[in-house]
C-alpha atoms as a PDB file:
ATOM      1  CA  MET A   1     -16.059 -34.759  -8.683  1.00  0.00           C
ATOM      2  CA  ASP A   2     -17.005 -34.204 -12.526  1.00  0.00           C
ATOM      3  CA  ILE A   3     -15.660 -32.107 -14.885  1.00  0.00           C
ATOM      4  CA  GLU A   4     -18.656 -29.547 -15.505  1.00  0.00           C
ATOM      5  CA  LYS A   5     -18.985 -28.949 -11.201  1.00  0.00           C
ATOM      6  CA  GLU A   6     -15.098 -28.366 -11.549  1.00  0.00           C
ATOM      7  CA  LYS A   7     -15.649 -25.709 -14.509  1.00  0.00           C
ATOM      8  CA  THR A   8     -18.090 -24.405 -12.889  1.00  0.00           C
ATOM      9  CA  GLY A   9     -16.990 -24.069  -9.301  1.00  0.00           C
ATOM     10  CA  ARG A  10     -13.781 -22.226 -11.104  1.00  0.00           C
ATOM     11  CA  LEU A  11     -16.071 -19.675 -12.926  1.00  0.00           C
ATOM     12  CA  ILE A  12     -18.137 -18.958  -9.405  1.00  0.00           C
ATOM     13  CA  GLU A  13     -14.504 -17.847  -7.514  1.00  0.00           C
ATOM     14  CA  GLN A  14     -13.481 -16.142 -11.056  1.00  0.00           C
ATOM     15  CA  ILE A  15     -17.167 -14.550 -10.801  1.00  0.00           C
ATOM     16  CA  GLN A  16     -16.543 -13.470  -6.731  1.00  0.00           C
ATOM     17  CA  GLY A  17     -13.113 -11.759  -8.422  1.00  0.00           C
ATOM     18  CA  GLY A  18     -15.174  -9.419 -10.661  1.00  0.00           C
ATOM     19  CA  SER A  19     -14.892 -11.180 -13.764  1.00  0.00           C
ATOM     20  CA  LYS A  20     -17.928 -10.475 -16.354  1.00  0.00           C
ATOM     21  CA  GLU A  21     -16.584 -12.873 -18.845  1.00  0.00           C
ATOM     22  CA  ALA A  22     -16.749 -15.709 -16.007  1.00  0.00           C
ATOM     23  CA  PHE A  23     -20.157 -14.575 -15.424  1.00  0.00           C
ATOM     24  CA  GLU A  24     -21.276 -14.857 -19.153  1.00  0.00           C
ATOM     25  CA  GLU A  25     -19.519 -17.838 -19.824  1.00  0.00           C
ATOM     26  CA  LEU A  26     -21.446 -19.496 -16.487  1.00  0.00           C
ATOM     27  CA  TYR A  27     -24.613 -18.349 -18.048  1.00  0.00           C
ATOM     28  CA  ARG A  28     -23.621 -19.896 -21.742  1.00  0.00           C
ATOM     29  CA  LEU A  29     -23.075 -23.173 -19.697  1.00  0.00           C
ATOM     30  CA  THR A  30     -26.411 -23.121 -17.493  1.00  0.00           C
ATOM     31  CA  SER A  31     -29.051 -20.880 -18.684  1.00  0.00           C
ATOM     32  CA  PRO A  32     -30.288 -23.409 -21.408  1.00  0.00           C
ATOM     33  CA  LYS A  33     -31.121 -26.065 -18.689  1.00  0.00           C
ATOM     34  CA  ALA A  34     -31.939 -23.001 -16.606  1.00  0.00           C
ATOM     35  CA  TYR A  35     -34.901 -22.044 -19.111  1.00  0.00           C
ATOM     36  CA  PHE A  36     -35.885 -25.405 -20.071  1.00  0.00           C
ATOM     37  CA  ILE A  37     -36.867 -25.962 -16.097  1.00  0.00           C
ATOM     38  CA  ALA A  38     -38.501 -22.636 -16.292  1.00  0.00           C
ATOM     39  CA  LEU A  39     -40.724 -23.290 -19.267  1.00  0.00           C
ATOM     40  CA  LYS A  40     -41.725 -26.803 -17.998  1.00  0.00           C
ATOM     41  CA  ILE A  41     -42.852 -24.818 -14.781  1.00  0.00           C
ATOM     42  CA  THR A  42     -44.604 -22.066 -16.524  1.00  0.00           C
ATOM     43  CA  GLN A  43     -45.842 -23.557 -19.849  1.00  0.00           C
ATOM     44  CA  ASN A  44     -45.082 -20.179 -20.904  1.00  0.00           C
ATOM     45  CA  GLU A  45     -42.201 -18.839 -22.598  1.00  0.00           C
ATOM     46  CA  HIS A  46     -42.177 -14.894 -21.705  1.00  0.00           C
ATOM     47  CA  ASP A  47     -42.914 -16.038 -17.766  1.00  0.00           C
ATOM     48  CA  ALA A  48     -40.091 -18.183 -18.571  1.00  0.00           C
ATOM     49  CA  GLU A  49     -37.638 -15.508 -20.150  1.00  0.00           C
ATOM     50  CA  ASP A  50     -38.612 -13.676 -16.982  1.00  0.00           C
ATOM     51  CA  ILE A  51     -37.764 -16.091 -14.614  1.00  0.00           C
ATOM     52  CA  LEU A  52     -34.388 -17.099 -16.106  1.00  0.00           C
ATOM     53  CA  GLN A  53     -33.634 -13.190 -15.896  1.00  0.00           C
ATOM     54  CA  GLU A  54     -34.495 -12.781 -12.644  1.00  0.00           C
ATOM     55  CA  SER A  55     -32.459 -15.905 -11.257  1.00  0.00           C
ATOM     56  CA  TYR A  56     -29.262 -15.085 -12.843  1.00  0.00           C
ATOM     57  CA  ILE A  57     -29.565 -11.262 -11.340  1.00  0.00           C
ATOM     58  CA  LYS A  58     -30.275 -12.705  -7.785  1.00  0.00           C
ATOM     59  CA  ALA A  59     -27.660 -15.296  -8.316  1.00  0.00           C
ATOM     60  CA  LEU A  60     -24.560 -12.398  -8.974  1.00  0.00           C
ATOM     61  CA  GLU A  61     -26.600 -10.272  -6.163  1.00  0.00           C
ATOM     62  CA  LYS A  62     -25.349 -13.011  -3.697  1.00  0.00           C
ATOM     63  CA  ILE A  63     -22.152 -14.639  -5.260  1.00  0.00           C
ATOM     64  CA  GLY A  64     -20.333 -13.298  -2.404  1.00  0.00           C
ATOM     65  CA  GLU A  65     -21.863 -14.976   0.410  1.00  0.00           C
END
């Protein structure tokens, strides 16, 4: 397992434990790539931002599952 995956796994465990700081760190680490993918798909900055926001909201809601 590479270092990035290990760090992501630790952050997810911390988020499941209620750490807001861990969620902020996970967002900081993953959002640029997620935004780039959304932008490639939509070809629209506003839509990509909306998708990014909705994706992280849903992830946070479901992170305990």
